[in-house]
Each structure stands twice: as structure tokens, then as C-alpha cells.
Protein backbone atom coordinates (compact mmCIF):
# COMPACT_ATOMS: atom_id res chain seq x y z
CA UNK A 1 -6.89 -8.04 -5.43
CA UNK A 2 -8.80 -4.80 -5.23
CA UNK A 3 -8.18 -1.28 -4.17
CA UNK A 4 -8.94 -1.15 -0.52
CA UNK A 5 -11.65 1.53 0.43
CA UNK A 6 -11.10 3.94 3.39
CA UNK A 7 -13.21 3.08 6.38
CA UNK A 8 -14.31 6.76 7.31
CA UNK A 9 -15.98 7.32 10.75
CA UNK A 10 -18.89 10.01 10.51
CA UNK A 11 -20.67 12.25 13.57
CA UNK A 12 -23.80 11.71 13.18
CA UNK A 13 -24.49 14.99 14.18
CA UNK A 14 -26.39 18.01 11.95
CA UNK A 15 -23.56 20.19 12.88
CA UNK A 16 -21.15 17.99 11.56
CA UNK A 17 -22.14 17.81 8.18
CA UNK A 18 -19.95 20.96 6.86
CA UNK A 19 -17.04 18.90 7.99
CA UNK A 20 -17.47 16.27 5.66
CA UNK A 21 -19.66 18.49 2.96
CA UNK A 22 -16.93 18.63 0.25
CA UNK A 23 -15.47 14.95 0.59
CA UNK A 24 -14.39 13.70 -2.70
CA UNK A 25 -12.93 9.87 -2.33
CA UNK A 26 -13.77 6.90 -2.17
CA UNK A 27 -14.80 5.51 1.31
CA UNK A 28 -16.72 3.59 3.03
CA UNK A 29 -18.89 6.01 6.03
CA UNK A 30 -19.76 4.64 9.38
CA UNK A 31 -21.79 6.86 11.07
CA UNK A 32 -22.24 6.69 15.09
CA UNK A 33 -22.04 9.12 17.68
CA UNK A 34 -18.13 10.21 19.40
CA UNK A 35 -17.96 7.59 21.72
CA UNK A 36 -19.24 4.93 19.56
CA UNK A 37 -16.46 6.27 16.69
CA UNK A 38 -13.70 6.55 19.38
CA UNK A 39 -14.26 2.73 20.78
CA UNK A 40 -14.29 1.80 16.50
CA UNK A 41 -10.86 3.78 15.86
CA UNK A 42 -8.72 2.40 18.59
CA UNK A 43 -10.86 -1.46 17.81
CA UNK A 44 -9.65 -1.08 14.49
CA UNK A 45 -12.99 -0.71 12.77
CA UNK A 46 -12.33 2.10 11.34
CA UNK A 47 -9.34 3.61 9.41
CA UNK A 48 -9.66 7.62 10.25
CA UNK A 49 -12.72 9.08 12.32
CA UNK A 50 -13.04 12.76 14.49
CA UNK A 51 -11.56 11.93 17.83
CA UNK A 52 -13.05 13.14 20.93
CA UNK A 53 -9.50 15.20 22.74
CA UNK A 54 -9.89 13.29 25.52
CA UNK A 55 -10.11 10.01 24.39
CA UNK A 56 -7.07 11.50 22.58
CA UNK A 57 -5.05 12.46 25.41
CA UNK A 58 -6.24 8.78 27.44
CA UNK A 59 -5.04 6.96 24.12
CA UNK A 60 -1.89 9.01 23.26
CA UNK A 61 0.29 6.04 22.46
CA UNK A 62 -2.34 4.47 20.21
CA UNK A 63 -3.45 7.55 17.70
CA UNK A 64 -2.11 9.43 15.25
CA UNK A 65 -3.17 12.96 14.53
CA UNK A 66 -3.93 13.46 10.51
CA UNK A 67 -1.26 15.98 9.75
CA UNK A 68 1.50 14.64 12.52
CA UNK A 69 4.54 13.17 9.58
CA UNK A 70 7.99 13.78 9.22
CA UNK A 71 7.12 17.23 7.12
CA UNK A 72 6.40 20.80 7.71
CA UNK A 73 3.36 21.40 8.09
CA UNK A 74 1.90 24.83 7.78
CA UNK A 75 -1.40 25.07 9.64
CA UNK A 76 -3.60 22.39 11.78
CA UNK A 77 -6.96 23.68 12.51
CA UNK A 78 -8.57 21.40 15.52
CA UNK A 79 -11.94 22.06 16.61
CA UNK A 80 -13.73 21.43 19.95
CA UNK A 81 -17.21 21.40 20.60
């Protein structure tokens, strides 16, 4: 049995390139526009992806924000365009 590769949603807009620039991990990148990635994440086709704030509000019981665990979080940065 091989190691599972993380399925990462990546917004295909050029202004998102800096967010993923230094990503050093074995991932399967799936590019798309935000509405496509929202749907794929909620459908279980992606393991992690940026999600729009409105979709997060609609699906608050279904999604988890990265860093939302039982350990102390020193800083969380949320970007909105």
C-alpha cells in the first residue's frame, strides 16, 4: 500500500500564485475557479483547498479551517479578495 497523496485545490487565478509559491510537498494539484473547488471540497474530491468565506458560512458544520485544533494557535491569517 503506497502513501496517500494529498489532493490540493488550487485557485487558477494568477493573484493566487504567491500563496502556493513555496509549497514543498507531494501533492496532487487540482486547479479551478473558487466555485469549482468549493464543490469538489464539499463532495470529498479534494482533501484541502481554499474555500470562499460565504461557502464556509453556508457549510460551517461540514468544513474545518486549517489550524482549528486543540492546540494553541498563535496567529491565523485570513485573506479576502
